Amino acid sequence: MPPLLPPPVWIDQPADLQRLARELLDQPRLAVDTESNSLHAYHEQVCLIQFSTPETDYLLDPLDLADLSLLAPLFANPKIEKVFHAVEYDIICLKRDFGFEVVNIFDTMQSARILGYPQVGLDALLGLKFNLQVDKRYQKADWAYRPLTPEMLNYARLDTHYLLPLRDILQAELEAAGRWDLAREEFVRMAKLNGNGKAEVPSWQRVTGAHKLAADQLAVLKELCAWRDQTAEHLARPTFKVVDDRRLAAIAAAKPERPDEFKDILTDYQRRRFGTEILRAVRRGLESPPISRPRPVRPKQAYIDRANALGQWRKQLGQKLHMESDIILPKAWMQAIAEQNPRTREELAALMPESPWRLENFGEEILKAIL
């Protein structure tokens, strides 16, 4: 059991938010985490933001606070280090819901990956470094639920309470391993992504197994996904809790015209609740023009050869250094190098922005790999 801790400070009033913003702006470093309801709602949203300083844990309720703009200067302040565990998803959510730009980060999970830890989850690291056992049952909880139970509040605060001392332990280990400069480069790279994910893809194109369907089946799948999206939004639940991808692709493949034709695909509840609507969606799909997949443009063979060579090089080096290959050379940079085929360190440096450590330690090997 974790040691007895003082209760966290709950923030759900504008005056409390103002005080919190002032207090946090005075900190050189603070721990941050978020909890969302992605497994319980159609429109995911951040339902809790946790902050920890060396003295205090704060739990902020964005569901009760209409305007969090007072926190924007905090996240954008380059003089305040924000410590996260697995930052990429958090900054996507913070930008999506509140427009925050996050700079100056330290990611304890990425630090553990750079150090070659076999288990990099926060619960594993807390157990290893602080001999704590964290109850993981609330990882998939509905964080929009109010009031949050005492157990949920304690779980949430533990996500940030130990991050600052964990950060210091990991920095010391990174320095001892000669990988601190690499970690700092990674933190800059990850912060610059800042919630700018891939372009939105239509839901029917994201269904697992869609690539196996014929043109007429894809037209059915498109209509099924449109129905599922509308239904999930109406019911305020995730799409997979209406009909999951595997079942939806199976229906598209079968193109049923009668309820008994999908009795082995759907559950009894799904057939009773949605059977008529699903048949209507299938009929609309069959009446629509088939969807022809655009033929992917095959890259030039020289690009393929360079990409394969770089992939093999970073895999082998990662095994040697006990480091995953995407840390050796991030995929986007690997693809840019394979495409541009740099011949000098200067040309290579332009394709690996703000990464002098990698350039110094791996630059010659990268150039040799693509000769």
Protein backbone atom coordinates (compact mmCIF):
# COMPACT_ATOMS: atom_id res chain seq x y z
CA MET A 1 0.00 0.00 0.00
CA PRO A 2 1.23 3.54 -0.74
CA PRO A 3 2.17 5.58 2.33
CA LEU A 4 -0.51 7.81 3.83
CA LEU A 5 -0.46 11.12 1.98
CA PRO A 6 -2.19 14.41 2.74
CA PRO A 7 -5.39 14.83 0.69
CA PRO A 8 -4.99 16.43 -2.75
CA VAL A 9 -6.36 19.90 -3.36
CA TRP A 10 -9.54 19.80 -5.46
CA ILE A 11 -9.90 22.66 -7.95
CA ASP A 12 -13.37 23.27 -9.41
CA GLN A 13 -14.05 26.98 -8.81
CA PRO A 14 -12.73 29.99 -10.81
CA ALA A 15 -11.19 31.57 -7.71
CA ASP A 16 -9.37 28.31 -6.91
CA LEU A 17 -8.14 28.14 -10.50
CA GLN A 18 -6.76 31.66 -10.26
CA ARG A 19 -4.83 30.78 -7.10
CA LEU A 20 -3.58 27.56 -8.67
CA ALA A 21 -2.34 29.35 -11.79
CA ARG A 22 -0.41 31.85 -9.67
CA GLU A 23 1.12 29.12 -7.53
CA LEU A 24 2.16 26.95 -10.47
CA LEU A 25 3.71 29.87 -12.36
CA ASP A 26 6.15 30.23 -9.46
CA GLN A 27 7.37 26.63 -9.83
CA PRO A 28 10.51 25.79 -11.80
CA ARG A 29 9.19 22.28 -12.36
CA LEU A 30 5.88 20.46 -11.92
CA ALA A 31 4.33 17.10 -12.70
CA VAL A 32 1.29 16.86 -14.98
CA ASP A 33 -1.14 14.16 -16.08
CA THR A 34 -4.64 13.95 -17.53
CA GLU A 35 -7.52 11.51 -17.34
CA SER A 36 -10.01 11.18 -20.21
CA ASN A 37 -13.14 9.16 -20.88
CA SER A 38 -12.23 7.65 -24.25
CA LEU A 39 -13.61 4.23 -23.31
CA HIS A 40 -16.96 5.63 -22.20
CA ALA A 41 -18.00 8.43 -24.57
CA TYR A 42 -18.34 9.17 -28.27
CA HIS A 43 -16.71 12.59 -27.93
CA GLU A 44 -13.69 11.99 -25.75
CA GLN A 45 -12.73 14.80 -23.40
CA VAL A 46 -10.24 15.52 -20.65
CA CYS A 47 -12.09 14.93 -17.37
CA LEU A 48 -9.30 15.58 -14.91
CA ILE A 49 -5.93 17.34 -14.89
CA GLN A 50 -3.45 16.47 -12.17
CA PHE A 51 -0.59 18.69 -11.07
CA SER A 52 2.02 17.99 -8.43
CA THR A 53 4.64 20.26 -6.94
CA PRO A 54 7.16 19.07 -4.33
CA GLU A 55 4.69 20.14 -1.64
CA THR A 56 1.16 19.63 -3.00
CA ASP A 57 -0.96 17.47 -5.30
CA TYR A 58 -3.78 19.23 -7.18
CA LEU A 59 -6.74 17.67 -8.99
CA LEU A 60 -8.43 20.07 -11.40
CA ASP A 61 -11.96 19.42 -12.65
CA PRO A 62 -12.32 20.77 -16.22
CA LEU A 63 -15.94 19.59 -16.33
CA ASP A 64 -16.86 22.28 -13.80
CA LEU A 65 -14.54 24.99 -15.13
CA ALA A 66 -15.66 26.47 -18.43
CA ASP A 67 -12.47 28.44 -19.09
CA LEU A 68 -8.97 27.11 -18.42
CA SER A 69 -7.15 29.81 -20.39
CA LEU A 70 -5.35 30.92 -17.22
CA LEU A 71 -3.26 27.77 -17.56
CA ALA A 72 -2.13 28.50 -21.12
CA PRO A 73 0.85 30.68 -20.04
CA LEU A 74 1.95 27.91 -17.69
CA PHE A 75 2.13 25.25 -20.39
CA ALA A 76 3.75 27.67 -22.86
CA ASN A 77 6.36 28.94 -20.38
CA PRO A 78 9.81 27.66 -21.45
CA LYS A 79 11.21 28.33 -17.96
CA ILE A 80 8.86 25.84 -16.28
CA GLU A 81 9.59 22.17 -16.88
CA LYS A 82 6.50 19.99 -17.21
CA VAL A 83 7.10 16.37 -16.19
CA PHE A 84 4.80 13.78 -17.78
CA HIS A 85 4.76 10.03 -18.11
CA ALA A 86 3.98 9.15 -21.75
CA VAL A 87 3.47 12.74 -22.83
CA GLU A 88 2.34 12.36 -26.43
CA TYR A 89 -1.28 11.45 -25.74
CA ASP A 90 -1.58 14.05 -22.97
CA ILE A 91 -0.47 16.92 -25.18
CA ILE A 92 -2.80 15.79 -27.96
CA CYS A 93 -5.71 15.94 -25.49
CA LEU A 94 -4.60 19.25 -23.94
CA LYS A 95 -4.36 20.89 -27.35
CA ARG A 96 -7.60 19.38 -28.64
CA ASP A 97 -9.71 20.41 -25.66
CA PHE A 98 -8.05 23.63 -24.49
CA GLY A 99 -5.69 24.79 -27.23
CA PHE A 100 -2.65 24.51 -24.96
CA GLU A 101 0.82 24.58 -26.47
CA VAL A 102 3.19 22.61 -24.26
CA VAL A 103 6.91 23.40 -24.16
CA ASN A 104 9.83 22.28 -21.98
CA ILE A 105 8.87 18.73 -21.09
CA PHE A 106 10.48 15.78 -19.34
CA ASP A 107 8.96 12.40 -20.14
CA THR A 108 9.70 9.71 -17.57
CA MET A 109 8.51 6.91 -19.86
CA GLN A 110 10.71 8.03 -22.75
CA SER A 111 13.60 8.36 -20.31
CA ALA A 112 13.07 4.75 -19.20
CA ARG A 113 12.95 3.65 -22.85
CA ILE A 114 16.21 5.46 -23.61
CA LEU A 115 17.79 3.72 -20.61
CA GLY A 116 16.61 0.35 -21.90
CA TYR A 117 14.22 -0.57 -19.09
CA PRO A 118 12.29 -3.73 -20.02
CA GLN A 119 9.10 -2.37 -18.39
CA VAL A 120 8.40 1.34 -18.75
CA GLY A 121 4.84 1.67 -17.42
CA LEU A 122 4.44 4.05 -14.52
CA ASP A 123 3.25 1.30 -12.19
CA ALA A 124 6.36 -0.75 -12.97
CA LEU A 125 8.70 2.19 -12.39
CA LEU A 126 6.99 3.19 -9.14
CA GLY A 127 7.27 -0.36 -7.93
CA LEU A 128 10.94 -0.53 -8.87
CA LYS A 129 12.02 2.86 -7.54
CA PHE A 130 9.65 3.43 -4.61
CA ASN A 131 8.43 -0.09 -3.76
CA LEU A 132 4.84 0.97 -4.49
CA GLN A 133 2.00 -1.21 -5.72
CA VAL A 134 -0.49 0.84 -7.70
CA ASP A 135 -4.04 -0.44 -8.16
CA LYS A 136 -4.45 -0.44 -11.96
CA ARG A 137 -8.19 -1.13 -12.00
CA TYR A 138 -8.95 2.57 -12.53
CA GLN A 139 -6.92 2.89 -15.73
CA LYS A 140 -10.10 2.30 -17.72
CA ALA A 141 -12.50 4.06 -15.37
CA ASP A 142 -15.10 6.56 -16.52
CA TRP A 143 -13.41 9.78 -15.43
CA ALA A 144 -16.48 11.83 -16.32
CA TYR A 145 -18.23 10.16 -13.37
CA ARG A 146 -19.02 12.55 -10.52
CA PRO A 147 -18.40 12.54 -7.70
CA LEU A 148 -15.14 10.65 -8.11
CA THR A 149 -14.69 8.00 -5.47
CA PRO A 150 -11.91 8.32 -2.87
CA GLU A 151 -10.15 5.41 -4.57
CA MET A 152 -10.25 7.16 -7.95
CA LEU A 153 -8.98 10.39 -6.42
CA ASN A 154 -6.08 8.56 -4.83
CA TYR A 155 -5.27 6.72 -8.06
CA ALA A 156 -5.26 10.00 -10.00
CA ARG A 157 -2.99 11.80 -7.56
CA LEU A 158 -0.48 8.93 -7.59
CA ASP A 159 -0.04 9.46 -11.32
CA THR A 160 1.81 12.70 -10.57
CA HIS A 161 2.80 12.56 -6.88
CA TYR A 162 6.03 10.61 -7.50
CA LEU A 163 6.88 11.97 -10.95
CA LEU A 164 9.23 14.70 -9.72
CA PRO A 165 11.47 12.41 -7.64
CA LEU A 166 11.26 9.77 -10.41
CA ARG A 167 12.37 12.42 -12.89
CA ASP A 168 15.47 13.20 -10.80
CA ILE A 169 16.38 9.52 -10.48
CA LEU A 170 16.08 9.00 -14.23
CA GLN A 171 18.06 12.11 -15.09
CA ALA A 172 20.93 10.88 -12.91
CA GLU A 173 20.80 7.51 -14.68
CA LEU A 174 20.72 9.16 -18.10
CA GLU A 175 23.75 11.25 -17.23
CA ALA A 176 25.61 8.21 -15.91
CA ALA A 177 24.80 6.32 -19.13
CA GLY A 178 25.89 9.20 -21.36
CA ARG A 179 22.36 9.54 -22.75
CA TRP A 180 21.14 12.75 -21.10
CA ASP A 181 21.73 14.86 -24.21
CA LEU A 182 19.82 12.31 -26.29
CA ALA A 183 16.93 12.47 -23.84
CA ARG A 184 16.82 16.26 -24.00
CA GLU A 185 16.70 16.09 -27.80
CA GLU A 186 13.81 13.64 -27.56
CA PHE A 187 11.90 15.92 -25.20
CA VAL A 188 12.26 18.82 -27.65
CA ARG A 189 11.15 16.66 -30.58
CA MET A 190 8.12 15.31 -28.73
CA ALA A 191 7.04 18.75 -27.53
CA LYS A 192 7.26 20.13 -31.06
CA LEU A 193 4.72 17.54 -32.22
CA ASN A 194 2.44 19.28 -29.70
CA GLY A 195 -0.74 17.47 -30.52
CA ASN A 196 -0.34 17.79 -34.27
CA GLY A 197 -1.36 14.28 -35.19
CA LYS A 198 -2.01 12.74 -38.56
CA ALA A 199 -4.70 14.10 -40.86
CA GLU A 200 -8.15 12.83 -39.98
CA VAL A 201 -9.07 9.69 -41.90
CA PRO A 202 -12.73 8.73 -42.56
CA SER A 203 -13.93 6.17 -40.05
CA TRP A 204 -14.55 3.44 -42.63
CA GLN A 205 -10.91 3.63 -43.73
CA ARG A 206 -9.78 3.02 -40.14
CA VAL A 207 -11.72 -0.23 -39.68
CA THR A 208 -9.45 -3.20 -39.11
CA GLY A 209 -9.79 -5.58 -42.02
CA ALA A 210 -11.11 -2.99 -44.50
CA HIS A 211 -8.17 -3.65 -46.80
CA LYS A 212 -9.47 -7.18 -47.39
CA LEU A 213 -12.86 -6.04 -48.72
CA ALA A 214 -13.89 -5.77 -52.35
CA ALA A 215 -15.14 -2.51 -53.88
CA ASP A 216 -18.85 -3.27 -53.31
CA GLN A 217 -18.17 -4.43 -49.76
CA LEU A 218 -16.30 -1.20 -49.04
CA ALA A 219 -19.37 0.78 -50.09
CA VAL A 220 -21.39 -1.23 -47.56
CA LEU A 221 -18.75 -0.69 -44.90
CA LYS A 222 -18.85 3.06 -45.49
CA GLU A 223 -22.61 3.15 -44.87
CA LEU A 224 -22.29 0.89 -41.84
CA CYS A 225 -19.68 3.21 -40.34
CA ALA A 226 -21.85 6.25 -40.99
CA TRP A 227 -24.72 4.52 -39.19
CA ARG A 228 -22.45 3.44 -36.32
CA ASP A 229 -20.98 6.94 -35.88
CA GLN A 230 -24.44 8.49 -35.76
CA THR A 231 -25.73 5.86 -33.35
CA ALA A 232 -22.71 6.11 -31.05
CA GLU A 233 -22.99 9.89 -30.93
CA HIS A 234 -26.71 9.66 -30.13
CA LEU A 235 -26.07 7.12 -27.37
CA ALA A 236 -22.98 9.02 -26.12
CA ARG A 237 -20.81 5.94 -26.16
CA PRO A 238 -17.69 4.83 -28.07
CA THR A 239 -18.28 3.23 -31.45
CA PHE A 240 -16.83 -0.11 -30.34
CA LYS A 241 -19.58 -0.34 -27.72
CA VAL A 242 -22.17 -0.20 -30.49
CA VAL A 243 -20.57 -2.72 -32.88
CA ASP A 244 -16.84 -3.38 -32.91
CA ASP A 245 -14.68 -3.26 -36.04
CA ARG A 246 -14.39 -7.02 -36.45
CA ARG A 247 -18.15 -7.50 -36.53
CA LEU A 248 -18.72 -4.49 -38.75
CA ALA A 249 -16.19 -5.73 -41.33
CA ALA A 250 -17.78 -9.18 -41.23
CA ILE A 251 -21.22 -7.69 -41.94
CA ALA A 252 -19.80 -5.68 -44.85
CA ALA A 253 -18.21 -8.82 -46.24
CA ALA A 254 -21.44 -10.84 -45.89
CA LYS A 255 -23.74 -8.09 -47.29
CA PRO A 256 -26.76 -9.61 -45.50
CA GLU A 257 -30.29 -8.99 -46.72
CA ARG A 258 -32.11 -10.76 -43.87
CA PRO A 259 -31.57 -10.79 -40.09
CA ASP A 260 -30.75 -14.51 -40.02
CA GLU A 261 -27.75 -13.85 -42.29
CA PHE A 262 -25.84 -12.07 -39.50
CA LYS A 263 -27.06 -14.15 -36.54
CA ASP A 264 -23.54 -15.59 -36.11
CA ILE A 265 -21.88 -12.18 -36.35
CA LEU A 266 -23.77 -10.04 -33.84
CA THR A 267 -24.79 -10.66 -30.26
CA ASP A 268 -28.45 -11.26 -29.45
CA TYR A 269 -28.66 -7.75 -27.99
CA GLN A 270 -27.11 -6.15 -31.06
CA ARG A 271 -29.50 -8.00 -33.39
CA ARG A 272 -32.54 -6.94 -31.37
CA ARG A 273 -31.41 -3.34 -30.88
CA PHE A 274 -29.75 -2.54 -34.20
CA GLY A 275 -30.68 -5.28 -36.68
CA THR A 276 -33.20 -3.27 -38.72
CA GLU A 277 -30.94 -0.23 -38.91
CA ILE A 278 -27.97 -2.36 -39.96
CA LEU A 279 -29.95 -3.94 -42.81
CA ARG A 280 -30.95 -0.47 -43.98
CA ALA A 281 -27.30 0.64 -43.95
CA VAL A 282 -26.28 -2.46 -45.90
CA ARG A 283 -29.01 -1.73 -48.46
CA ARG A 284 -27.80 1.87 -48.85
CA GLY A 285 -24.28 0.59 -49.38
CA LEU A 286 -25.37 -1.89 -52.05
CA GLU A 287 -27.21 0.92 -53.84
CA SER A 288 -24.11 3.14 -53.75
CA PRO A 289 -21.30 3.09 -56.29
CA PRO A 290 -18.52 0.63 -55.41
CA ILE A 291 -15.46 2.23 -53.84
CA SER A 292 -12.29 1.74 -55.81
CA ARG A 293 -9.14 1.93 -53.80
CA PRO A 294 -6.54 4.27 -55.26
CA ARG A 295 -3.47 2.34 -56.23
CA PRO A 296 -0.61 3.27 -53.94
CA VAL A 297 2.31 4.85 -55.73
CA ARG A 298 5.23 2.50 -55.35
CA PRO A 299 8.31 4.31 -54.10
CA LYS A 300 11.42 4.23 -56.22
CA GLN A 301 13.59 1.18 -55.61
CA ALA A 302 16.48 3.36 -54.46
CA TYR A 303 14.28 4.80 -51.70
CA ILE A 304 13.13 1.32 -50.66
CA ASP A 305 16.72 0.10 -50.51
CA ARG A 306 17.84 3.04 -48.38
CA ALA A 307 14.84 2.73 -46.05
CA ASN A 308 15.47 -1.00 -45.60
CA ALA A 309 19.16 -0.38 -44.95
CA LEU A 310 18.38 2.28 -42.35
CA GLY A 311 15.75 0.07 -40.74
CA GLN A 312 18.19 -2.82 -40.44
CA TRP A 313 20.94 -0.55 -39.12
CA ARG A 314 18.82 1.03 -36.40
CA LYS A 315 17.43 -2.36 -35.37
CA GLN A 316 20.89 -3.85 -34.97
CA LEU A 317 22.22 -0.81 -33.12
CA GLY A 318 19.15 -0.75 -30.88
CA GLN A 319 19.79 -4.36 -29.88
CA LYS A 320 23.40 -3.53 -29.12
CA LEU A 321 22.52 -0.48 -27.03
CA HIS A 322 19.38 -2.04 -25.45
CA MET A 323 17.33 0.75 -26.96
CA GLU A 324 14.26 0.54 -29.20
CA SER A 325 14.88 1.40 -32.83
CA ASP A 326 12.56 4.42 -32.96
CA ILE A 327 14.76 6.11 -30.36
CA ILE A 328 17.89 5.43 -32.39
CA LEU A 329 16.28 7.18 -35.36
CA PRO A 330 12.61 8.31 -35.34
CA LYS A 331 10.59 7.00 -38.27
CA ALA A 332 9.85 10.42 -39.81
CA TRP A 333 13.54 11.26 -39.90
CA MET A 334 14.43 7.83 -41.30
CA GLN A 335 11.94 8.30 -44.13
CA ALA A 336 13.22 11.80 -44.88
CA ILE A 337 16.82 10.53 -45.03
CA ALA A 338 15.83 7.66 -47.32
CA GLU A 339 13.99 10.12 -49.57
CA GLN A 340 16.60 12.90 -49.68
CA ASN A 341 19.70 10.68 -49.70
CA PRO A 342 22.09 13.10 -47.97
CA ARG A 343 25.77 12.74 -48.84
CA THR A 344 27.33 14.99 -46.20
CA ARG A 345 26.94 15.63 -42.48
CA GLU A 346 25.58 19.08 -43.29
CA GLU A 347 22.87 17.65 -45.52
CA LEU A 348 22.09 15.00 -42.89
CA ALA A 349 21.88 17.60 -40.13
CA ALA A 350 19.15 19.45 -42.04
CA LEU A 351 17.02 16.27 -41.96
CA MET A 352 17.55 15.68 -38.22
CA PRO A 353 16.59 19.05 -36.76
CA GLU A 354 17.92 19.87 -33.31
CA SER A 355 19.58 16.47 -32.87
CA PRO A 356 23.31 17.12 -32.48
CA TRP A 357 23.75 14.07 -30.21
CA ARG A 358 22.43 11.68 -32.84
CA LEU A 359 24.40 13.46 -35.54
CA GLU A 360 27.62 13.16 -33.53
CA ASN A 361 27.10 9.56 -32.41
CA PHE A 362 25.26 8.06 -35.39
CA GLY A 363 25.88 10.43 -38.30
CA GLU A 364 28.73 8.54 -39.97
CA GLU A 365 26.95 5.21 -39.56
CA ILE A 366 23.77 6.62 -41.12
CA LEU A 367 25.68 7.93 -44.13
CA LYS A 368 27.46 4.61 -44.55
CA ALA A 369 24.16 2.69 -44.29
CA ILE A 370 22.68 4.49 -47.31
CA LEU A 371 25.74 4.37 -49.58
